[in-house]
C-alpha atoms as a PDB file:
ATOM      1  CA  MET A   1      10.274  -4.800 -16.201  1.00  0.00           C
ATOM      2  CA  ILE A   2       6.851  -4.181 -14.676  1.00  0.00           C
ATOM      3  CA  THR A   3       4.702  -1.921 -16.840  1.00  0.00           C
ATOM      4  CA  GLU A   4       1.489  -2.205 -14.793  1.00  0.00           C
ATOM      5  CA  PHE A   5       1.520  -2.887 -11.059  1.00  0.00           C
ATOM      6  CA  PRO A   6      -0.680  -5.825 -10.033  1.00  0.00           C
ATOM      7  CA  GLN A   7      -3.598  -5.367  -7.627  1.00  0.00           C
ATOM      8  CA  ARG A   8      -2.425  -8.234  -5.383  1.00  0.00           C
ATOM      9  CA  ILE A   9       0.873 -10.031  -4.842  1.00  0.00           C
ATOM     10  CA  THR A  10       2.075 -12.706  -2.451  1.00  0.00           C
ATOM     11  CA  ILE A  11       5.362 -12.739  -0.564  1.00  0.00           C
ATOM     12  CA  ASP A  12       6.175 -15.755   1.623  1.00  0.00           C
ATOM     13  CA  GLY A  13       2.530 -16.847   1.382  1.00  0.00           C
ATOM     14  CA  PHE A  14       1.121 -13.529   2.643  1.00  0.00           C
ATOM     15  CA  VAL A  15      -1.228 -11.537   0.400  1.00  0.00           C
ATOM     16  CA  TYR A  16      -0.374  -7.871  -0.186  1.00  0.00           C
ATOM     17  CA  GLU A  17      -2.792  -5.387  -1.748  1.00  0.00           C
ATOM     18  CA  ARG A  18      -1.826  -2.393  -3.851  1.00  0.00           C
ATOM     19  CA  LYS A  19      -2.273   0.918  -2.033  1.00  0.00           C
ATOM     20  CA  SER A  20      -0.718   4.016  -3.588  1.00  0.00           C
ATOM     21  CA  ALA A  21       2.008   5.095  -5.952  1.00  0.00           C
ATOM     22  CA  HIS A  22       5.149   6.881  -4.817  1.00  0.00           C
ATOM     23  CA  ASN A  23       8.101   7.941  -6.949  1.00  0.00           C
ATOM     24  CA  ASN A  24       8.533   5.091  -9.472  1.00  0.00           C
ATOM     25  CA  ALA A  25       7.108   2.419  -7.170  1.00  0.00           C
ATOM     26  CA  MET A  26       3.830   1.174  -5.712  1.00  0.00           C
ATOM     27  CA  TYR A  27       3.086   0.689  -2.011  1.00  0.00           C
ATOM     28  CA  TYR A  28       1.562  -2.594  -0.845  1.00  0.00           C
ATOM     29  CA  ASP A  29       0.143  -3.585   2.563  1.00  0.00           C
ATOM     30  CA  SER A  30      -0.793  -6.980   4.009  1.00  0.00           C
ATOM     31  CA  LYS A  31      -3.556  -7.795   6.472  1.00  0.00           C
ATOM     32  CA  ASP A  32      -2.239 -11.384   6.692  1.00  0.00           C
ATOM     33  CA  ASN A  33       1.365 -10.715   7.710  1.00  0.00           C
ATOM     34  CA  PRO A  34       1.647 -10.298  11.514  1.00  0.00           C
ATOM     35  CA  SER A  35       5.023  -8.505  11.287  1.00  0.00           C
ATOM     36  CA  GLU A  36       4.991  -4.835  12.254  1.00  0.00           C
ATOM     37  CA  ILE A  37       7.948  -4.287   9.934  1.00  0.00           C
ATOM     38  CA  THR A  38       6.996  -6.082   6.722  1.00  0.00           C
ATOM     39  CA  SER A  39       3.197  -5.853   6.737  1.00  0.00           C
ATOM     40  CA  ARG A  40       2.983  -2.201   5.624  1.00  0.00           C
ATOM     41  CA  PHE A  41       4.669   0.121   3.144  1.00  0.00           C
ATOM     42  CA  ILE A  42       6.235  -2.575   1.007  1.00  0.00           C
ATOM     43  CA  SER A  43       7.414  -0.980  -2.230  1.00  0.00           C
ATOM     44  CA  LEU A  44       7.496  -2.777  -5.563  1.00  0.00           C
ATOM     45  CA  TYR A  45       9.640  -1.086  -8.213  1.00  0.00           C
ATOM     46  CA  PRO A  46       9.342  -1.542 -11.997  1.00  0.00           C
ATOM     47  CA  ASN A  47      12.548  -3.625 -12.007  1.00  0.00           C
ATOM     48  CA  GLY A  48      10.914  -6.120  -9.581  1.00  0.00           C
ATOM     49  CA  GLU A  49      12.864  -4.939  -6.545  1.00  0.00           C
ATOM     50  CA  LEU A  50      11.058  -5.023  -3.189  1.00  0.00           C
ATOM     51  CA  THR A  51      11.813  -2.686  -0.284  1.00  0.00           C
ATOM     52  CA  TYR A  52      10.310  -2.073   3.149  1.00  0.00           C
ATOM     53  CA  LEU A  53      10.339   0.900   5.498  1.00  0.00           C
ATOM     54  CA  TRP A  54      11.853   0.525   8.942  1.00  0.00           C
ATOM     55  CA  ASP A  55      12.570   3.363  11.336  1.00  0.00           C
ATOM     56  CA  GLY A  56      12.393   5.908   8.517  1.00  0.00           C
ATOM     57  CA  LEU A  57      14.790   3.994   6.248  1.00  0.00           C
ATOM     58  CA  GLU A  58      13.898   2.254   2.998  1.00  0.00           C
ATOM     59  CA  LEU A  59      15.677  -1.102   3.009  1.00  0.00           C
ATOM     60  CA  LYS A  60      16.057  -3.635   0.200  1.00  0.00           C
ATOM     61  CA  TRP A  61      14.007  -6.776   0.838  1.00  0.00           C
ATOM     62  CA  ASN A  62      15.580  -9.779  -0.852  1.00  0.00           C
ATOM     63  CA  LYS A  63      12.329 -11.639  -1.443  1.00  0.00           C
ATOM     64  CA  GLN A  64      10.489 -12.927  -4.485  1.00  0.00           C
ATOM     65  CA  PHE A  65       6.858 -12.067  -5.141  1.00  0.00           C
ATOM     66  CA  GLU A  66       4.102 -13.697  -7.158  1.00  0.00           C
ATOM     67  CA  VAL A  67       1.172 -11.982  -8.812  1.00  0.00           C
ATOM     68  CA  VAL A  68      -2.263 -13.106  -7.587  1.00  0.00           C
ATOM     69  CA  LYS A  69      -4.281 -13.731 -10.733  1.00  0.00           C
ATOM     70  CA  GLU A  70      -7.754 -12.219 -10.788  1.00  0.00           C
ATOM     71  CA  ILE A  71     -10.521 -14.580 -11.879  1.00  0.00           C
ATOM     72  CA  ALA A  72     -12.833 -13.090 -14.482  1.00  0.00           C
ATOM     73  CA  ASN A  73     -16.564 -13.460 -13.910  1.00  0.00           C
END
């Protein structure tokens, strides 16, 4: 169970940055991913589930994500 949403995650090697909260989830966007479908409005839920928006529908995205660790100065 996710208790604090990470600032950055990777999915399939693309970096996604945290944007805004909605319902119980957090939106993430990627500047790296060239896909019009899976580069924006990716939702990460507290149970680790990922979804994406397509044509007004929220669809389950059966992918794994990794947290990008921040390096302390």
